């Protein structure tokens, strides 16, 4: 008799709770398109800290996490808000203030 596998479906809050402070997370999407923005907002709500974000071309999501003080390091090719909106303001401030590190992978 086989035991059914547990469900892989969890709430957004539970998923974010599984991401502990100091975790490296790789996320998809490009700039303002198809990013896991609801998850990023939930990480902010749960007051996560020292995250290492890995994403080819982040924008709003990483900027929001930097504003919340959740980011220790970003590994990306570029962090921007598309052509119309310019640079990611809070990301830039976090890097300039040495609140987060940036590892460029262009």
Foldseek 3Di string as FASTA:
>chain_A
DDDDDDDPDDDLLVVLVVQAAQEEDEWEDAQPGDTPQVSLVSVLVVLHAAYEYEYAHYEPSVLVCLVSRHHAEYEYQAYANPDVGGRSVSVVVCCVVNSHYYHHDD
